[in-house]
């Protein structure tokens, strides 16, 4: 029984870490990649009257971060239910 709990705990943390890594990669790509590295390339495209690189650096990254918070919370609730560690 103890081995089963340990394996479920390990699987839970593996799923948690996978979700965190995906969120961190998206965060890095949007903030550093789009906002700094690719800004000149993205500035050739206009979005809502602004250059896209500027928009990502000023607004798009913030919107993406807020969306990531909600996605992370939703996905963690699903993971918690899957491994029966959710709150009622």
Protein backbone atom coordinates (compact mmCIF):
# COMPACT_ATOMS: atom_id res chain seq x y z
CA UNK A 1 0.00 0.00 0.00
CA UNK A 2 2.84 2.37 0.83
CA UNK A 3 4.49 1.74 -2.55
CA UNK A 4 1.24 2.61 -4.32
CA UNK A 5 0.99 5.92 -2.41
CA UNK A 6 4.60 6.73 -3.21
CA UNK A 7 4.12 5.98 -6.91
CA UNK A 8 0.92 8.10 -6.98
CA UNK A 9 2.80 10.91 -5.24
CA UNK A 10 5.64 10.68 -7.72
CA UNK A 11 3.19 10.69 -10.65
CA UNK A 12 1.38 13.70 -9.15
CA UNK A 13 4.59 15.72 -8.86
CA UNK A 14 5.70 14.65 -12.32
CA UNK A 15 2.42 15.98 -13.76
CA UNK A 16 2.78 19.16 -11.67
CA UNK A 17 6.36 19.77 -12.83
CA UNK A 18 5.43 19.11 -16.45
CA UNK A 19 2.68 21.72 -16.26
CA UNK A 20 5.03 24.21 -14.59
CA UNK A 21 7.70 23.67 -17.24
CA UNK A 22 5.19 24.24 -20.04
CA UNK A 23 4.00 27.47 -18.39
CA UNK A 24 7.57 28.65 -17.81
CA UNK A 25 8.55 27.95 -21.42
CA UNK A 26 5.54 29.92 -22.68
CA UNK A 27 6.39 32.72 -20.24
CA UNK A 28 10.01 32.80 -21.45
CA UNK A 29 9.14 32.73 -25.14
CA UNK A 30 6.58 35.53 -24.80
CA UNK A 31 8.54 37.80 -22.48
CA UNK A 32 12.11 37.30 -23.64
CA UNK A 33 11.61 35.95 -27.15
CA UNK A 34 8.78 38.15 -28.42
CA UNK A 35 9.52 41.17 -26.23
CA UNK A 36 13.30 41.34 -26.70
CA UNK A 37 14.82 38.95 -29.25
CA UNK A 38 12.20 39.06 -31.99
CA UNK A 39 11.02 42.63 -31.45
CA UNK A 40 12.52 43.97 -34.69
CA UNK A 41 10.99 41.18 -36.76
CA UNK A 42 7.59 41.53 -35.09
CA UNK A 43 7.62 45.31 -35.51
CA UNK A 44 7.09 44.80 -39.25
CA UNK A 45 3.56 43.58 -38.39
CA UNK A 46 0.87 45.95 -37.09
CA UNK A 47 -1.70 44.91 -34.49
CA UNK A 48 -4.49 47.29 -33.43
CA UNK A 49 -2.51 50.21 -34.84
CA UNK A 50 0.70 49.34 -32.99
CA UNK A 51 3.82 47.51 -34.04
CA UNK A 52 3.47 43.92 -32.87
CA UNK A 53 6.89 43.79 -31.15
CA UNK A 54 6.07 46.92 -29.16
CA UNK A 55 2.61 45.55 -28.33
CA UNK A 56 4.06 42.27 -27.01
CA UNK A 57 6.64 44.11 -24.93
CA UNK A 58 4.04 46.44 -23.41
CA UNK A 59 0.68 44.63 -23.40
CA UNK A 60 0.79 41.17 -24.95
CA UNK A 61 3.13 39.70 -22.38
CA UNK A 62 0.91 40.93 -19.52
CA UNK A 63 -2.20 39.41 -21.13
CA UNK A 64 -0.31 36.18 -21.70
CA UNK A 65 0.83 36.05 -18.06
CA UNK A 66 -2.71 36.57 -16.76
CA UNK A 67 -4.02 33.86 -19.09
CA UNK A 68 -1.22 31.54 -17.89
CA UNK A 69 -2.34 32.04 -14.28
CA UNK A 70 -5.89 30.96 -15.09
CA UNK A 71 -4.74 28.04 -17.26
CA UNK A 72 -2.35 26.86 -14.54
CA UNK A 73 -5.08 27.02 -11.87
CA UNK A 74 -7.55 25.14 -14.09
CA UNK A 75 -5.04 22.46 -15.06
CA UNK A 76 -3.86 22.00 -11.47
CA UNK A 77 -7.47 21.49 -10.38
CA UNK A 78 -7.78 18.77 -13.02
CA UNK A 79 -4.53 17.15 -11.86
CA UNK A 80 -5.65 17.36 -8.22
CA UNK A 81 -8.94 15.63 -9.08
CA UNK A 82 -7.14 12.98 -11.10
CA UNK A 83 -4.89 12.09 -8.16
CA UNK A 84 -7.66 12.59 -5.57
CA UNK A 85 -5.93 15.38 -3.66
CA UNK A 86 -8.48 18.09 -4.47
CA UNK A 87 -10.20 20.32 -1.96
CA UNK A 88 -13.95 20.20 -1.54
